Amino acid sequence: PVRRCSRLMENCSAYLPCCDPCASCRCRLFNTICHCWRMSEQC
């Protein structure tokens, strides 16, 4: 089966969101490198 989301520290995009509801997709270098980061420890 194909995953339709990214785990923490994996690449993500608008088409491949983060699996963790407490994570967000953060991009760098003119939005070319994007990874899932946890927003809060208390989530």
C-alpha atoms as a PDB file:
ATOM      1  CA  PRO A   1       0.000   0.000   0.000  1.00  0.00           C
ATOM      2  CA  VAL A   2       1.152   3.518  -0.798  1.00  0.00           C
ATOM      3  CA  ARG A   3       1.372   6.056   2.015  1.00  0.00           C
ATOM      4  CA  ARG A   4      -0.312   9.371   1.269  1.00  0.00           C
ATOM      5  CA  CYS A   5       1.488  11.318   3.984  1.00  0.00           C
ATOM      6  CA  SER A   6       5.004  11.956   5.307  1.00  0.00           C
ATOM      7  CA  ARG A   7       6.450  11.024   8.677  1.00  0.00           C
ATOM      8  CA  LEU A   8       8.449  13.401  10.871  1.00  0.00           C
ATOM      9  CA  MET A   9      11.679  14.588   9.230  1.00  0.00           C
ATOM     10  CA  GLU A  10      10.624  13.184   5.845  1.00  0.00           C
ATOM     11  CA  ASN A  11      10.031  15.253   2.716  1.00  0.00           C
ATOM     12  CA  CYS A  12       6.569  16.752   2.391  1.00  0.00           C
ATOM     13  CA  SER A  13       4.636  18.987   0.025  1.00  0.00           C
ATOM     14  CA  ALA A  14       1.165  20.327  -0.645  1.00  0.00           C
ATOM     15  CA  TYR A  15       0.379  16.976  -2.291  1.00  0.00           C
ATOM     16  CA  LEU A  16       2.028  14.879   0.431  1.00  0.00           C
ATOM     17  CA  PRO A  17       1.096  16.301   3.869  1.00  0.00           C
ATOM     18  CA  CYS A  18       2.477  15.183   7.236  1.00  0.00           C
ATOM     19  CA  CYS A  19       0.942  12.065   8.827  1.00  0.00           C
ATOM     20  CA  ASP A  20       1.230  13.459  12.367  1.00  0.00           C
ATOM     21  CA  PRO A  21      -1.581  15.948  13.125  1.00  0.00           C
ATOM     22  CA  CYS A  22       0.864  17.792  15.413  1.00  0.00           C
ATOM     23  CA  ALA A  23       3.381  18.297  12.606  1.00  0.00           C
ATOM     24  CA  SER A  24       3.550  20.882   9.863  1.00  0.00           C
ATOM     25  CA  CYS A  25       5.369  21.001   6.550  1.00  0.00           C
ATOM     26  CA  ARG A  26       8.184  23.578   6.793  1.00  0.00           C
ATOM     27  CA  CYS A  27      10.049  24.674   3.677  1.00  0.00           C
ATOM     28  CA  ARG A  28      13.464  26.313   3.144  1.00  0.00           C
ATOM     29  CA  LEU A  29      15.565  27.540   0.237  1.00  0.00           C
ATOM     30  CA  PHE A  30      12.803  29.228  -1.754  1.00  0.00           C
ATOM     31  CA  ASN A  31      10.333  26.449  -0.823  1.00  0.00           C
ATOM     32  CA  THR A  32      12.400  23.772  -2.567  1.00  0.00           C
ATOM     33  CA  ILE A  33      13.286  21.676   0.514  1.00  0.00           C
ATOM     34  CA  CYS A  34      10.341  20.769   2.748  1.00  0.00           C
ATOM     35  CA  HIS A  35      10.239  18.493   5.799  1.00  0.00           C
ATOM     36  CA  CYS A  36       7.677  17.574   8.447  1.00  0.00           C
ATOM     37  CA  TRP A  37       8.419  19.173  11.823  1.00  0.00           C
ATOM     38  CA  ARG A  38       6.573  18.704  15.103  1.00  0.00           C
ATOM     39  CA  MET A  39       4.970  21.988  16.149  1.00  0.00           C
ATOM     40  CA  SER A  40       4.576  21.270  19.860  1.00  0.00           C
ATOM     41  CA  GLU A  41       5.505  18.612  22.393  1.00  0.00           C
ATOM     42  CA  GLN A  42       2.143  18.979  24.152  1.00  0.00           C
ATOM     43  CA  CYS A  43       0.021  18.162  21.143  1.00  0.00           C
END
